[in-house]
Amino acid sequence: MATRGRKSTPKKTPVKSVDELRERSSVPEKPIATQGKEKSKIKVLFFLPDDASLSEMHLDEISKKIPSTKQADPLCLVIHSDGGNPFAAVKIMRLLKSIFGSVIALLPEKAYSAGALMTLGADELYMSVNACLGPLDLPMEHPQDGTLISALDVINASTTIATFVDEIAAKRFSDLRTNKKIRSRTEAAKIAYQSATESVLPILSKIDPYLTQKSYRELKIAWWYAYDLLIAGLMKNTPHLAWNTSKTLTTSFPAHEYAIFRDEAKKMLKLPVQGLENFSDWSLIKPDFDILRSAGIEITYKEL
């Protein structure tokens, strides 16, 4: 899942830690009230690659920053991503689920493509009212000019042409019968479809069967990865629903850039999405998110 045409966030002056950023921005550390037994610290991983750069390098960096031993506490995973490599996205979620008791995905703004894939493997998902997910129709390089095209567009091209042939043939058949040029229905149908087919032959000749088959494989990869993550995460008790949601994410949206907002994620995708405004610890996490995103820092693990 590659670039979506968005500009990446400009990199800022390097800093040593988020605490130094707090001092620079004059955002005070919010104390956690304690009465009697001390409250457990909130474990947070900020994953903020603003462009479509999600890759194996992010997996390596995350593995170095998070604890290496099993943690009973949940992890709050703050995602802000335009996507990237789907294989890396799956590996990151498998790593996090193997270390932490559960993973709570927090989505303040966006998780497109491979970023959206990551959210499916979480145990809980919270989205702000204007946050959005993206479809999973994998972009792929056009073999001639290297431009990125949707695998779904390649598949749909054949279907669109077939529909176009039917429409041309139907109109031609009607003309032949209405004007009584051809009395035989069979002969009129034969002439109509032959004429319609000949009209689209120049287009059909440009369809690459290898590219079509590759597109089928790419869509199947996205579909199956989405299903595997869902049955281990957001839909672990509803495999049939997970299958349908995976199919919808892969094949049902008009463009790879389509924004799936919270309400649509609930109603169309049947995802168990909750409002980020209702997540009790978001007020403690949001100041760090704002600072790190502004500074262009992609990965930070912190215990608040």
Protein backbone atom coordinates (compact mmCIF):
# COMPACT_ATOMS: atom_id res chain seq x y z
CA MET A 1 0.00 0.00 0.00
CA ALA A 2 1.89 2.92 -1.26
CA THR A 3 1.79 6.67 -1.45
CA ARG A 4 -1.53 8.49 -1.60
CA GLY A 5 -0.33 11.80 -2.98
CA ARG A 6 -0.14 13.52 0.40
CA LYS A 7 2.75 15.72 1.40
CA SER A 8 4.77 14.46 4.31
CA THR A 9 5.17 16.51 7.47
CA PRO A 10 8.37 18.62 7.38
CA LYS A 11 11.01 17.33 9.75
CA LYS A 12 11.81 19.57 12.70
CA THR A 13 14.95 20.19 14.70
CA PRO A 14 16.05 16.91 16.33
CA VAL A 15 15.37 16.60 20.02
CA LYS A 16 16.34 14.09 22.64
CA SER A 17 12.94 13.25 24.11
CA VAL A 18 9.28 14.15 24.28
CA ASP A 19 9.94 15.71 27.68
CA GLU A 20 12.31 18.19 26.08
CA LEU A 21 9.59 18.93 23.53
CA ARG A 22 7.17 19.59 26.38
CA GLU A 23 9.56 22.16 27.82
CA ARG A 24 9.99 23.85 24.46
CA SER A 25 6.26 24.06 23.85
CA SER A 26 5.43 25.01 27.44
CA VAL A 27 2.91 22.16 27.71
CA PRO A 28 2.93 21.04 31.34
CA GLU A 29 3.08 17.38 32.26
CA LYS A 30 -0.34 16.44 33.56
CA PRO A 31 -0.11 14.70 36.92
CA ILE A 32 -1.95 11.46 37.51
CA ALA A 33 -3.94 11.64 40.70
CA THR A 34 -3.11 8.93 43.21
CA GLN A 35 -5.08 8.00 46.28
CA GLY A 36 -3.95 5.00 48.24
CA LYS A 37 -2.73 2.51 45.67
CA GLU A 38 -0.72 4.15 42.89
CA LYS A 39 -2.33 4.01 39.46
CA SER A 40 -0.50 1.96 36.82
CA LYS A 41 1.33 3.94 34.20
CA ILE A 42 -0.24 4.20 30.76
CA LYS A 43 1.92 2.49 28.15
CA VAL A 44 1.73 4.40 24.89
CA LEU A 45 3.32 3.83 21.49
CA PHE A 46 3.07 6.81 19.15
CA PHE A 47 3.25 5.61 15.54
CA LEU A 48 3.16 8.75 13.39
CA PRO A 49 4.71 8.28 9.92
CA ASP A 50 2.74 11.06 8.23
CA ASP A 51 3.52 9.99 4.66
CA ALA A 52 3.06 6.55 3.10
CA SER A 53 6.39 5.29 4.42
CA LEU A 54 5.35 2.43 6.70
CA SER A 55 8.10 -0.13 6.31
CA GLU A 56 10.27 -2.82 7.88
CA MET A 57 12.47 -0.04 9.28
CA HIS A 58 9.57 1.05 11.47
CA LEU A 59 9.21 -2.52 12.69
CA ASP A 60 12.89 -2.59 13.68
CA GLU A 61 12.64 0.75 15.45
CA ILE A 62 9.53 -0.27 17.37
CA SER A 63 11.12 -3.53 18.49
CA LYS A 64 14.01 -1.56 19.98
CA LYS A 65 11.84 0.94 21.84
CA ILE A 66 9.13 -1.20 23.41
CA PRO A 67 9.77 -3.61 26.32
CA SER A 68 11.27 -6.93 25.29
CA THR A 69 9.47 -8.95 27.96
CA LYS A 70 5.80 -9.86 28.24
CA GLN A 71 3.61 -7.08 29.67
CA ALA A 72 0.28 -7.68 31.41
CA ASP A 73 -0.87 -4.10 30.85
CA PRO A 74 -2.56 -2.92 27.65
CA LEU A 75 -0.77 -0.76 25.09
CA CYS A 76 -2.31 2.43 23.75
CA LEU A 77 -1.28 2.58 20.09
CA VAL A 78 -1.70 6.07 18.64
CA ILE A 79 -1.73 5.80 14.83
CA HIS A 80 -1.30 8.62 12.32
CA SER A 81 -0.36 7.14 8.95
CA ASP A 82 -0.95 7.25 5.20
CA GLY A 83 0.07 3.61 4.89
CA GLY A 84 2.94 1.84 3.19
CA ASN A 85 4.04 -1.79 3.26
CA PRO A 86 1.18 -4.15 4.29
CA PHE A 87 3.61 -6.91 5.29
CA ALA A 88 5.34 -4.56 7.74
CA ALA A 89 1.94 -3.47 9.12
CA VAL A 90 0.98 -7.07 9.88
CA LYS A 91 4.35 -7.79 11.49
CA ILE A 92 4.11 -4.72 13.72
CA MET A 93 0.70 -5.77 15.03
CA ARG A 94 1.86 -9.35 15.60
CA LEU A 95 4.83 -8.02 17.59
CA LEU A 96 2.71 -5.70 19.75
CA LYS A 97 0.11 -8.40 20.45
CA SER A 98 2.87 -10.81 21.50
CA ILE A 99 4.27 -8.37 24.09
CA PHE A 100 1.28 -6.54 25.58
CA GLY A 101 -1.84 -7.88 27.26
CA SER A 102 -3.98 -6.10 24.67
CA VAL A 103 -3.68 -3.29 22.12
CA ILE A 104 -5.98 -0.27 22.11
CA ALA A 105 -5.79 1.66 18.81
CA LEU A 106 -6.33 5.41 19.13
CA LEU A 107 -7.03 7.27 15.91
CA PRO A 108 -7.11 11.07 16.25
CA GLU A 109 -6.91 11.86 12.52
CA LYS A 110 -6.11 9.17 9.94
CA ALA A 111 -5.02 5.61 9.27
CA TYR A 112 -5.05 4.92 5.55
CA SER A 113 -4.18 1.77 3.64
CA ALA A 114 -1.60 -0.23 5.64
CA GLY A 115 -2.27 2.09 8.59
CA ALA A 116 -5.94 1.05 8.46
CA LEU A 117 -4.81 -2.57 8.29
CA MET A 118 -3.01 -2.11 11.61
CA THR A 119 -6.16 -0.90 13.38
CA LEU A 120 -8.00 -4.13 12.49
CA GLY A 121 -5.65 -6.16 14.66
CA ALA A 122 -6.26 -4.07 17.77
CA ASP A 123 -8.50 -5.30 20.58
CA GLU A 124 -10.27 -1.94 20.78
CA LEU A 125 -10.53 1.00 18.37
CA TYR A 126 -11.25 4.61 19.27
CA MET A 127 -11.70 7.27 16.57
CA SER A 128 -12.29 10.99 16.83
CA VAL A 129 -15.37 12.30 15.05
CA ASN A 130 -13.30 13.47 12.04
CA ALA A 131 -10.79 10.62 12.00
CA CYS A 132 -10.84 8.32 8.98
CA LEU A 133 -9.72 4.92 7.79
CA GLY A 134 -8.86 4.08 4.19
CA PRO A 135 -9.80 1.19 1.86
CA LEU A 136 -7.45 -1.77 1.35
CA ASP A 137 -7.36 -2.04 -2.46
CA LEU A 138 -3.59 -2.28 -2.85
CA PRO A 139 -1.91 0.25 -5.14
CA MET A 140 0.54 -1.23 -7.63
CA GLU A 141 2.95 0.12 -10.24
CA HIS A 142 1.78 0.39 -13.82
CA PRO A 143 4.24 -1.73 -15.88
CA GLN A 144 4.64 0.94 -18.58
CA ASP A 145 5.07 4.26 -16.81
CA GLY A 146 5.53 3.33 -13.14
CA THR A 147 2.55 5.33 -11.92
CA LEU A 148 0.57 3.93 -9.01
CA ILE A 149 -2.79 2.40 -9.90
CA SER A 150 -5.31 0.58 -7.75
CA ALA A 151 -5.45 -3.20 -8.14
CA LEU A 152 -9.22 -2.84 -7.94
CA ASP A 153 -9.24 -0.46 -10.91
CA VAL A 154 -7.46 -3.06 -13.03
CA ILE A 155 -10.02 -5.72 -12.11
CA ASN A 156 -12.98 -3.38 -12.57
CA ALA A 157 -11.77 -2.31 -16.01
CA SER A 158 -12.78 -5.67 -17.53
CA THR A 159 -16.16 -5.56 -15.80
CA THR A 160 -16.79 -2.02 -17.00
CA ILE A 161 -15.93 -2.95 -20.59
CA ALA A 162 -18.25 -5.97 -20.46
CA THR A 163 -21.08 -3.74 -19.22
CA PHE A 164 -20.30 -1.24 -21.98
CA VAL A 165 -20.54 -4.01 -24.61
CA ASP A 166 -23.94 -5.09 -23.26
CA GLU A 167 -25.26 -1.53 -23.39
CA ILE A 168 -24.04 -0.96 -26.96
CA ALA A 169 -25.42 -4.30 -28.10
CA ALA A 170 -28.80 -3.68 -26.49
CA LYS A 171 -29.15 -0.31 -28.19
CA ARG A 172 -28.00 -1.71 -31.54
CA PHE A 173 -30.42 -4.63 -31.25
CA SER A 174 -33.30 -2.26 -30.48
CA ASP A 175 -32.47 -0.12 -33.51
CA LEU A 176 -32.32 -3.13 -35.82
CA ARG A 177 -35.66 -4.46 -34.59
CA THR A 178 -37.46 -1.10 -34.36
CA ASN A 179 -36.55 -0.06 -37.88
CA LYS A 180 -37.43 -3.56 -39.15
CA LYS A 181 -34.07 -3.78 -40.86
CA ILE A 182 -33.68 -7.29 -39.51
CA ARG A 183 -36.77 -9.45 -38.96
CA SER A 184 -35.03 -12.33 -37.20
CA ARG A 185 -34.35 -11.73 -33.48
CA THR A 186 -31.44 -14.20 -33.59
CA GLU A 187 -29.80 -12.49 -36.55
CA ALA A 188 -30.36 -9.03 -35.00
CA ALA A 189 -28.76 -10.15 -31.73
CA LYS A 190 -25.79 -11.65 -33.54
CA ILE A 191 -25.18 -8.47 -35.54
CA ALA A 192 -25.66 -6.26 -32.46
CA TYR A 193 -23.13 -8.12 -30.31
CA GLN A 194 -20.63 -8.41 -33.14
CA SER A 195 -20.84 -4.68 -33.71
CA ALA A 196 -20.52 -3.91 -29.98
CA THR A 197 -17.53 -6.21 -29.55
CA GLU A 198 -15.70 -4.70 -32.53
CA SER A 199 -16.20 -1.23 -31.07
CA VAL A 200 -14.28 -2.10 -27.88
CA LEU A 201 -11.56 -4.31 -29.38
CA PRO A 202 -9.00 -1.44 -29.39
CA ILE A 203 -9.58 -1.06 -25.64
CA LEU A 204 -9.48 -4.80 -24.92
CA SER A 205 -6.17 -5.13 -26.75
CA LYS A 206 -4.57 -2.84 -24.17
CA ILE A 207 -5.52 -5.00 -21.18
CA ASP A 208 -2.51 -6.93 -19.92
CA PRO A 209 -3.55 -10.40 -18.69
CA TYR A 210 -0.45 -10.58 -16.46
CA LEU A 211 -1.39 -7.28 -14.81
CA THR A 212 -4.96 -8.47 -14.35
CA GLN A 213 -3.84 -11.66 -12.63
CA LYS A 214 -1.38 -9.74 -10.46
CA SER A 215 -4.20 -7.42 -9.41
CA TYR A 216 -6.29 -10.40 -8.31
CA ARG A 217 -3.39 -11.62 -6.18
CA GLU A 218 -2.81 -8.19 -4.62
CA LEU A 219 -6.47 -7.85 -3.66
CA LYS A 220 -6.47 -11.35 -2.18
CA ILE A 221 -3.43 -10.45 -0.06
CA ALA A 222 -5.22 -7.41 1.38
CA TRP A 223 -8.45 -9.34 1.92
CA TRP A 224 -6.81 -12.25 3.73
CA TYR A 225 -4.51 -10.10 5.87
CA ALA A 226 -7.49 -7.99 6.92
CA TYR A 227 -9.42 -11.12 7.85
CA ASP A 228 -6.51 -12.62 9.83
CA LEU A 229 -6.07 -9.40 11.81
CA LEU A 230 -9.79 -8.98 12.45
CA ILE A 231 -10.33 -12.49 13.85
CA ALA A 232 -7.36 -11.92 16.15
CA GLY A 233 -8.48 -8.40 17.07
CA LEU A 234 -11.65 -6.36 16.63
CA MET A 235 -13.84 -9.28 15.47
CA LYS A 236 -12.27 -12.24 17.21
CA ASN A 237 -15.66 -13.83 18.01
CA THR A 238 -17.36 -13.18 14.67
CA PRO A 239 -15.38 -14.80 11.80
CA HIS A 240 -18.24 -14.55 9.29
CA LEU A 241 -18.60 -10.83 9.93
CA ALA A 242 -14.82 -10.43 9.75
CA TRP A 243 -14.81 -12.06 6.30
CA ASN A 244 -17.51 -9.72 4.99
CA THR A 245 -15.82 -6.64 6.46
CA SER A 246 -12.51 -7.64 4.88
CA LYS A 247 -14.20 -8.05 1.51
CA THR A 248 -15.90 -4.66 1.81
CA LEU A 249 -12.66 -2.90 2.70
CA THR A 250 -10.94 -4.50 -0.30
CA THR A 251 -13.55 -4.28 -3.05
CA SER A 252 -16.37 -1.86 -2.27
CA PHE A 253 -14.99 1.68 -2.20
CA PRO A 254 -14.73 3.97 -5.24
CA ALA A 255 -11.09 5.03 -4.74
CA HIS A 256 -8.04 4.19 -2.67
CA GLU A 257 -8.12 7.76 -1.33
CA TYR A 258 -11.69 7.41 -0.04
CA ALA A 259 -12.07 8.51 3.59
CA ILE A 260 -14.08 6.17 5.82
CA PHE A 261 -15.28 8.24 8.77
CA ARG A 262 -16.32 6.90 12.15
CA ASP A 263 -20.04 6.53 11.43
CA GLU A 264 -19.38 4.69 8.17
CA ALA A 265 -16.85 2.42 9.89
CA LYS A 266 -19.59 1.45 12.33
CA LYS A 267 -22.53 1.12 9.93
CA MET A 268 -20.97 -0.17 6.70
CA LEU A 269 -17.95 -2.05 8.04
CA LYS A 270 -19.61 -3.14 11.29
CA LEU A 271 -16.43 -2.29 13.21
CA PRO A 272 -16.84 -1.90 16.99
CA VAL A 273 -15.60 1.68 16.94
CA GLN A 274 -15.84 3.91 20.02
CA GLY A 275 -15.50 7.67 20.25
CA LEU A 276 -12.03 8.89 21.12
CA GLU A 277 -13.63 11.60 23.24
CA ASN A 278 -14.89 8.80 25.49
CA PHE A 279 -11.46 7.26 26.09
CA SER A 280 -10.66 8.30 29.65
CA ASP A 281 -6.88 8.63 29.25
CA TRP A 282 -6.90 10.53 25.94
CA SER A 283 -6.56 13.87 27.77
CA LEU A 284 -3.24 12.62 29.14
CA ILE A 285 -2.02 11.29 25.78
CA LYS A 286 -3.16 14.06 23.41
CA PRO A 287 -0.58 16.72 24.46
CA ASP A 288 2.27 14.34 23.56
CA PHE A 289 0.58 13.44 20.27
CA ASP A 290 0.29 17.11 19.30
CA ILE A 291 3.92 17.78 20.18
CA LEU A 292 5.36 14.71 18.45
CA ARG A 293 3.31 15.18 15.30
CA SER A 294 4.29 18.84 15.09
CA ALA A 295 7.95 17.90 15.51
CA GLY A 296 7.74 15.18 12.85
CA ILE A 297 8.88 12.44 15.25
CA GLU A 298 7.55 9.15 13.90
CA ILE A 299 7.95 6.62 16.72
CA THR A 300 7.99 7.16 20.48
CA TYR A 301 7.25 4.77 23.31
CA LYS A 302 6.37 6.32 26.64
CA GLU A 303 4.83 5.42 29.99
CA LEU A 304 2.71 8.27 31.30
